[in-house]
N, C-alpha and C. Protein backbone atom coordinates (compact mmCIF):
# COMPACT_ATOMS: atom_id res chain seq x y z
N UNK A 1 -86.27 28.32 30.63
CA UNK A 1 -85.99 29.44 30.63
C UNK A 1 -84.50 29.11 30.56
N UNK A 2 -83.89 30.21 29.93
CA UNK A 2 -82.56 30.46 29.88
C UNK A 2 -81.73 31.25 30.86
N UNK A 3 -80.68 30.51 31.71
CA UNK A 3 -80.08 31.12 32.84
C UNK A 3 -79.37 32.19 32.42
N UNK A 4 -78.78 33.04 33.03
CA UNK A 4 -78.34 34.58 32.78
C UNK A 4 -76.84 34.01 33.34
N UNK A 5 -76.57 33.38 34.61
CA UNK A 5 -75.27 33.00 35.21
C UNK A 5 -75.36 31.82 35.22
N UNK A 6 -74.71 30.73 35.47
CA UNK A 6 -74.12 29.54 34.72
C UNK A 6 -72.82 29.51 36.18
N UNK A 7 -72.61 28.41 36.55
CA UNK A 7 -71.70 27.96 37.57
C UNK A 7 -71.06 26.12 37.04
N UNK A 8 -69.26 26.41 36.87
CA UNK A 8 -68.75 24.67 37.00
C UNK A 8 -68.93 24.18 37.78
N UNK A 9 -68.76 23.02 37.52
CA UNK A 9 -68.72 22.06 38.94
C UNK A 9 -67.31 22.16 40.01
N UNK A 10 -66.22 22.43 39.40
CA UNK A 10 -65.54 22.69 40.12
C UNK A 10 -65.37 24.21 40.89
N UNK A 11 -65.90 25.33 40.58
CA UNK A 11 -67.10 26.03 41.21
C UNK A 11 -67.63 26.35 42.42
N UNK A 12 -68.65 24.77 42.06
CA UNK A 12 -69.54 24.39 43.05
C UNK A 12 -68.83 23.77 44.38
N UNK A 13 -67.73 22.95 44.09
CA UNK A 13 -66.70 22.85 44.90
C UNK A 13 -66.48 23.83 45.98
N UNK A 14 -65.96 24.84 45.58
CA UNK A 14 -65.35 25.73 45.96
C UNK A 14 -66.10 26.44 47.34
N UNK A 15 -67.64 26.83 46.56
CA UNK A 15 -68.58 27.09 46.74
C UNK A 15 -69.40 26.51 48.19
N UNK A 16 -68.97 25.18 47.96
CA UNK A 16 -69.77 24.49 49.22
C UNK A 16 -68.28 24.34 50.09
N UNK A 17 -67.38 24.00 49.86
CA UNK A 17 -66.17 24.78 50.91
C UNK A 17 -66.27 25.80 51.61
N UNK A 18 -66.59 26.94 50.84
CA UNK A 18 -66.89 28.15 51.61
C UNK A 18 -68.07 28.32 52.20
N UNK A 19 -69.44 27.23 51.71
CA UNK A 19 -70.45 27.63 52.64
C UNK A 19 -69.83 27.05 54.04
N UNK A 20 -69.67 25.84 54.10
CA UNK A 20 -69.24 25.44 55.78
C UNK A 20 -68.43 26.37 56.44
N UNK A 21 -67.66 26.93 55.86
CA UNK A 21 -67.19 28.27 56.61
C UNK A 21 -68.18 29.85 57.06
N UNK A 22 -68.63 29.90 55.96
CA UNK A 22 -69.30 30.96 56.17
C UNK A 22 -70.72 31.40 56.05
N UNK A 23 -71.03 30.23 55.92
CA UNK A 23 -72.90 29.95 56.03
C UNK A 23 -73.11 30.79 54.21
N UNK A 24 -74.42 31.45 54.42
CA UNK A 24 -75.17 31.72 53.02
C UNK A 24 -74.13 32.69 52.36
N UNK A 25 -73.70 32.39 51.28
CA UNK A 25 -73.34 33.32 50.29
C UNK A 25 -73.83 34.28 49.47
N UNK A 26 -73.12 35.21 48.95
CA UNK A 26 -73.77 35.86 47.74
C UNK A 26 -72.58 36.45 46.49
N UNK A 27 -73.08 36.65 45.50
CA UNK A 27 -72.20 37.16 44.50
C UNK A 27 -71.97 38.42 44.00
N UNK A 28 -70.99 39.24 43.84
CA UNK A 28 -71.40 40.42 42.94
C UNK A 28 -70.60 40.86 41.91
N UNK A 29 -70.53 40.62 40.55
CA UNK A 29 -69.55 40.80 39.35
C UNK A 29 -69.23 41.96 39.65
N UNK A 30 -67.43 42.17 40.04
CA UNK A 30 -67.06 43.28 40.03
C UNK A 30 -67.11 43.79 38.80
N UNK A 31 -66.99 45.36 38.64
CA UNK A 31 -67.15 46.32 38.02
C UNK A 31 -65.75 46.97 36.92
N UNK A 32 -64.76 46.27 37.50
CA UNK A 32 -63.40 46.79 37.15
C UNK A 32 -62.42 47.22 38.00
N UNK A 33 -62.99 47.86 39.35
CA UNK A 33 -61.96 47.75 40.41
C UNK A 33 -61.24 46.99 41.07
N UNK A 34 -59.78 47.11 41.27
CA UNK A 34 -58.85 46.02 42.14
C UNK A 34 -59.02 45.11 41.45
N UNK A 35 -59.53 44.07 41.16
CA UNK A 35 -59.53 42.79 40.18
C UNK A 35 -59.93 42.76 38.76
N UNK A 36 -60.16 44.03 38.18
CA UNK A 36 -60.55 44.20 36.83
C UNK A 36 -62.36 43.70 37.12
N UNK A 37 -62.53 42.40 36.04
CA UNK A 37 -64.13 42.17 36.22
C UNK A 37 -64.25 40.71 36.60
N UNK A 38 -63.49 40.32 38.10
CA UNK A 38 -63.64 39.51 38.78
C UNK A 38 -64.97 39.17 39.47
N UNK A 39 -65.90 37.84 39.50
CA UNK A 39 -66.73 37.57 40.44
C UNK A 39 -66.47 37.12 41.47
N UNK A 40 -67.07 38.21 42.73
CA UNK A 40 -66.79 38.68 44.17
C UNK A 40 -67.30 37.66 45.05
N UNK A 41 -66.98 36.63 46.18
CA UNK A 41 -67.86 35.99 46.69
C UNK A 41 -67.94 36.72 48.56
N UNK A 42 -68.98 36.83 49.06
CA UNK A 42 -69.24 37.57 49.71
C UNK A 42 -70.04 36.34 50.80
N UNK A 43 -69.83 37.00 52.42
CA UNK A 43 -71.01 36.15 53.17
C UNK A 43 -72.40 36.82 52.69
N UNK A 44 -73.44 36.30 52.48
CA UNK A 44 -74.86 37.04 52.66
C UNK A 44 -74.70 38.37 53.21
N UNK A 45 -74.90 39.39 52.64
CA UNK A 45 -75.41 40.90 53.62
C UNK A 45 -74.01 41.80 53.85
N UNK A 46 -73.15 40.96 53.57
CA UNK A 46 -71.35 41.65 54.01
C UNK A 46 -71.57 42.38 52.91
N UNK A 47 -71.78 42.38 51.53
CA UNK A 47 -72.07 43.66 50.92
C UNK A 47 -73.27 44.24 50.42
N UNK A 48 -73.65 45.55 50.57
CA UNK A 48 -74.59 46.48 50.96
C UNK A 48 -75.35 46.12 49.26
N UNK A 49 -76.66 45.68 48.94
CA UNK A 49 -77.01 45.64 47.76
C UNK A 49 -78.45 46.51 47.74
N UNK A 50 -78.81 47.37 46.48
CA UNK A 50 -79.56 48.13 46.49
C UNK A 50 -80.12 48.29 45.40
N UNK A 51 -80.91 49.16 45.12
CA UNK A 51 -81.31 49.30 43.95
C UNK A 51 -80.21 50.07 42.80
N UNK A 52 -79.45 50.15 42.85
CA UNK A 52 -77.96 50.57 41.73
C UNK A 52 -77.48 48.99 41.63
N UNK A 53 -78.28 48.26 41.87
CA UNK A 53 -77.92 46.49 41.45
C UNK A 53 -78.71 46.16 41.14
N UNK A 54 -78.78 44.74 40.38
CA UNK A 54 -79.64 44.22 39.32
C UNK A 54 -79.02 42.69 39.80
N UNK A 55 -80.59 42.24 40.19
CA UNK A 55 -79.99 40.35 40.34
C UNK A 55 -80.22 39.54 39.29
N UNK A 56 -78.96 38.75 38.83
CA UNK A 56 -79.02 38.24 37.82
C UNK A 56 -79.50 36.62 37.43
N UNK A 57 -79.12 35.91 38.75
CA UNK A 57 -79.67 34.76 38.80
C UNK A 57 -78.98 33.87 40.02
N UNK A 58 -79.14 32.97 40.04
CA UNK A 58 -78.65 32.13 41.62
C UNK A 58 -77.75 31.37 41.02
N UNK A 59 -76.10 30.71 41.94
CA UNK A 59 -75.52 29.63 41.68
C UNK A 59 -75.90 29.20 42.14
N UNK A 60 -75.52 27.43 42.57
CA UNK A 60 -75.49 26.41 43.95
C UNK A 60 -76.20 27.26 44.82
N UNK A 61 -76.94 28.10 45.27
CA UNK A 61 -77.14 28.74 46.26
C UNK A 61 -77.31 29.96 46.57
N UNK A 62 -76.36 30.47 45.86
CA UNK A 62 -75.94 31.47 46.08
C UNK A 62 -76.55 32.70 45.25
N UNK A 63 -77.09 33.83 45.63
CA UNK A 63 -77.40 35.05 44.88
C UNK A 63 -76.56 35.65 43.92
N UNK A 64 -76.66 35.86 43.20
CA UNK A 64 -75.66 36.29 42.05
C UNK A 64 -76.36 38.27 41.45
N UNK A 65 -75.41 38.94 41.79
CA UNK A 65 -75.88 40.42 41.23
C UNK A 65 -74.85 40.88 40.65
N UNK A 66 -74.78 42.10 39.88
CA UNK A 66 -74.21 43.30 39.07
C UNK A 66 -74.89 44.41 39.43
N UNK A 67 -73.75 45.60 39.05
CA UNK A 67 -74.23 46.85 39.02
C UNK A 67 -74.90 47.33 37.77
N UNK A 68 -76.29 48.01 37.67
CA UNK A 68 -77.09 48.06 37.05
C UNK A 68 -76.54 48.43 35.49
N UNK A 69 -75.45 49.44 35.81
CA UNK A 69 -74.63 49.93 34.45
C UNK A 69 -73.95 49.25 33.94
N UNK A 70 -73.36 48.32 34.87
CA UNK A 70 -72.39 46.93 33.72
C UNK A 70 -73.52 46.48 33.69
N UNK A 71 -74.62 46.14 34.06
CA UNK A 71 -75.94 44.89 33.73
C UNK A 71 -76.02 45.68 31.84
N UNK A 72 -76.03 46.98 31.92
CA UNK A 72 -76.61 47.60 30.52
C UNK A 72 -75.77 47.05 29.41
N UNK A 73 -73.64 46.66 29.73
CA UNK A 73 -72.90 45.84 28.59
C UNK A 73 -73.08 44.65 28.90
N UNK A 74 -73.47 43.85 30.01
CA UNK A 74 -73.48 42.38 29.87
C UNK A 74 -75.06 42.16 29.54
N UNK A 75 -76.02 42.48 29.43
CA UNK A 75 -77.19 42.24 29.35
C UNK A 75 -77.58 40.63 28.08
N UNK A 76 -76.65 41.43 27.28
CA UNK A 76 -76.79 40.52 26.33
C UNK A 76 -75.82 38.86 26.13
N UNK A 77 -75.23 38.33 27.58
CA UNK A 77 -73.94 37.76 27.35
C UNK A 77 -74.46 37.03 29.15
N UNK A 78 -74.14 35.61 28.43
CA UNK A 78 -74.25 34.71 29.87
C UNK A 78 -72.97 34.42 30.12
N UNK A 79 -73.18 34.37 31.38
CA UNK A 79 -71.52 34.54 32.45
C UNK A 79 -71.58 33.06 33.25
N UNK A 80 -70.65 32.57 33.23
CA UNK A 80 -70.00 30.99 33.85
C UNK A 80 -68.88 31.33 34.45
N UNK A 81 -69.19 30.99 36.08
CA UNK A 81 -68.41 31.03 36.68
C UNK A 81 -67.45 29.90 37.02
N UNK A 82 -66.28 30.37 36.86
CA UNK A 82 -65.29 28.87 37.16
C UNK A 82 -64.30 29.21 38.47
N UNK A 83 -63.49 28.49 38.70
CA UNK A 83 -61.90 28.83 39.61
C UNK A 83 -61.48 28.22 39.26
N UNK A 84 -59.68 28.89 39.58
CA UNK A 84 -58.73 29.11 38.95
C UNK A 84 -57.78 28.93 39.82
N UNK A 85 -56.62 28.15 40.20
CA UNK A 85 -55.91 28.63 41.17
C UNK A 85 -55.00 29.74 40.73
N UNK A 86 -54.26 30.71 42.25
CA UNK A 86 -53.94 31.80 41.66
C UNK A 86 -54.81 32.95 42.63
N UNK A 87 -54.13 33.67 42.88
CA UNK A 87 -54.52 34.66 43.82
C UNK A 87 -55.00 36.29 43.34
N UNK A 88 -56.07 36.18 43.65
CA UNK A 88 -56.85 37.48 42.91
C UNK A 88 -56.69 38.55 43.68
N UNK A 89 -56.69 39.93 43.61
CA UNK A 89 -56.61 40.64 44.56
C UNK A 89 -57.54 41.44 44.94
N UNK A 90 -58.46 41.02 45.84
CA UNK A 90 -59.91 41.29 46.25
C UNK A 90 -60.01 41.10 47.47
N UNK A 91 -61.50 41.09 47.77
CA UNK A 91 -61.47 40.56 49.33
C UNK A 91 -62.72 40.01 49.30
N UNK A 92 -62.51 39.24 48.02
CA UNK A 92 -63.29 37.74 47.88
C UNK A 92 -63.18 36.48 48.47
N UNK A 93 -64.32 35.90 49.15
CA UNK A 93 -64.13 34.57 50.38
C UNK A 93 -62.50 33.62 49.84
N UNK A 94 -62.82 33.32 48.47
CA UNK A 94 -61.66 32.67 47.85
C UNK A 94 -60.01 32.89 48.21
N UNK A 95 -59.78 34.05 48.16
CA UNK A 95 -58.20 34.10 47.94
C UNK A 95 -57.94 33.43 48.43
N UNK A 96 -58.16 33.39 50.48
CA UNK A 96 -57.39 32.73 50.99
C UNK A 96 -56.65 31.33 51.17
N UNK A 97 -57.97 30.77 50.14
CA UNK A 97 -57.66 28.95 49.78
C UNK A 97 -56.76 29.04 48.35
N UNK A 98 -55.95 30.55 48.04
CA UNK A 98 -54.82 29.97 46.89
C UNK A 98 -55.42 29.94 45.19
N UNK A 99 -57.32 30.41 45.80
CA UNK A 99 -58.03 30.39 44.20
C UNK A 99 -58.59 31.73 43.61
N UNK A 100 -59.09 31.70 42.50
CA UNK A 100 -60.10 33.06 42.12
C UNK A 100 -60.85 32.71 41.60
N UNK A 101 -62.13 33.01 41.92
CA UNK A 101 -63.49 33.12 40.80
C UNK A 101 -62.63 33.45 39.62
N UNK A 102 -63.53 32.95 38.75
CA UNK A 102 -63.21 33.70 36.95
C UNK A 102 -64.36 33.52 36.58
N UNK A 103 -64.65 34.59 35.38
CA UNK A 103 -65.98 34.62 34.88
C UNK A 103 -66.03 34.70 33.45
N UNK A 104 -66.34 33.42 32.97
CA UNK A 104 -66.39 33.31 31.20
C UNK A 104 -67.53 34.04 30.41
N UNK A 105 -67.44 34.51 29.44
CA UNK A 105 -69.06 35.04 28.95
C UNK A 105 -69.22 34.12 27.48
N UNK A 106 -70.21 34.61 27.26
CA UNK A 106 -70.75 34.26 25.47
C UNK A 106 -71.41 35.15 25.38
N UNK A 107 -71.80 35.54 24.32
CA UNK A 107 -73.55 36.10 23.97
C UNK A 107 -74.27 35.48 23.80
N UNK A 108 -75.43 35.50 23.87
CA UNK A 108 -76.50 34.74 23.45
C UNK A 108 -77.12 34.62 22.45
N UNK A 109 -77.93 33.96 22.17
CA UNK A 109 -78.23 33.67 20.62
C UNK A 109 -79.66 34.55 20.71
N UNK A 110 -80.17 34.38 19.33
CA UNK A 110 -81.74 35.35 19.26
C UNK A 110 -82.38 34.68 20.01
N UNK A 111 -82.35 33.05 19.93
CA UNK A 111 -83.49 32.61 20.43
C UNK A 111 -83.08 32.23 21.92
N UNK A 112 -82.14 32.60 22.35
CA UNK A 112 -82.16 32.42 23.55
C UNK A 112 -82.64 33.99 24.59
N UNK A 113 -81.74 34.91 23.87
CA UNK A 113 -82.43 36.28 24.66
C UNK A 113 -84.09 36.26 24.76
N UNK A 114 -85.06 35.07 23.82
CA UNK A 114 -86.64 35.59 23.64
C UNK A 114 -86.66 34.49 25.24
N UNK A 115 -85.98 33.89 25.42
CA UNK A 115 -86.11 33.26 26.61
C UNK A 115 -85.47 33.20 28.02
N UNK A 116 -85.22 34.45 27.89
CA UNK A 116 -83.61 34.76 29.31
C UNK A 116 -84.87 34.61 30.82
N UNK A 117 -84.49 34.37 31.26
CA UNK A 117 -85.17 34.23 32.68
C UNK A 117 -84.68 36.15 33.44
N UNK A 118 -85.90 36.52 33.81
CA UNK A 118 -85.62 38.01 33.85
C UNK A 118 -85.41 38.16 34.94
N UNK A 119 -84.64 39.11 35.09
CA UNK A 119 -83.54 39.83 35.76
C UNK A 119 -84.50 40.78 37.04
N UNK A 120 -83.63 41.23 38.24
CA UNK A 120 -84.47 41.68 39.27
C UNK A 120 -83.99 42.73 39.71
N UNK A 121 -84.66 44.15 39.82
CA UNK A 121 -83.47 45.14 40.51
C UNK A 121 -83.89 45.16 42.03
N UNK A 122 -83.66 44.75 43.56
CA UNK A 122 -83.67 44.83 44.39
C UNK A 122 -84.60 46.26 44.71
N UNK A 123 -84.80 46.44 45.73
CA UNK A 123 -85.49 47.60 46.45
C UNK A 123 -85.66 47.96 47.46
């Protein structure tokens, strides 16, 4: 199976640090408000997920979602979550660390599209 979302080693280390502080985490790909299209990290359950969202995978123990509308634009794209120094303008948990998660994207090949991990719509 080809994963829809991946994570870098540097981002994994930050996730581990945040998990120690906040417990189980989740991610939601922001749709352009406040901090552009940044991935947002929350304590699990802090952001209400419903049928207007799509689960696209799990990174380092964290479920990863985006809105259904946004997924229509990104469904042919694999995203990789990385981390960089700098302060984003969001409510994401890494911001107080002087870091921000960043989305890197690339278009799937035709072969990869045939083998994609299925997405799920929460009920």
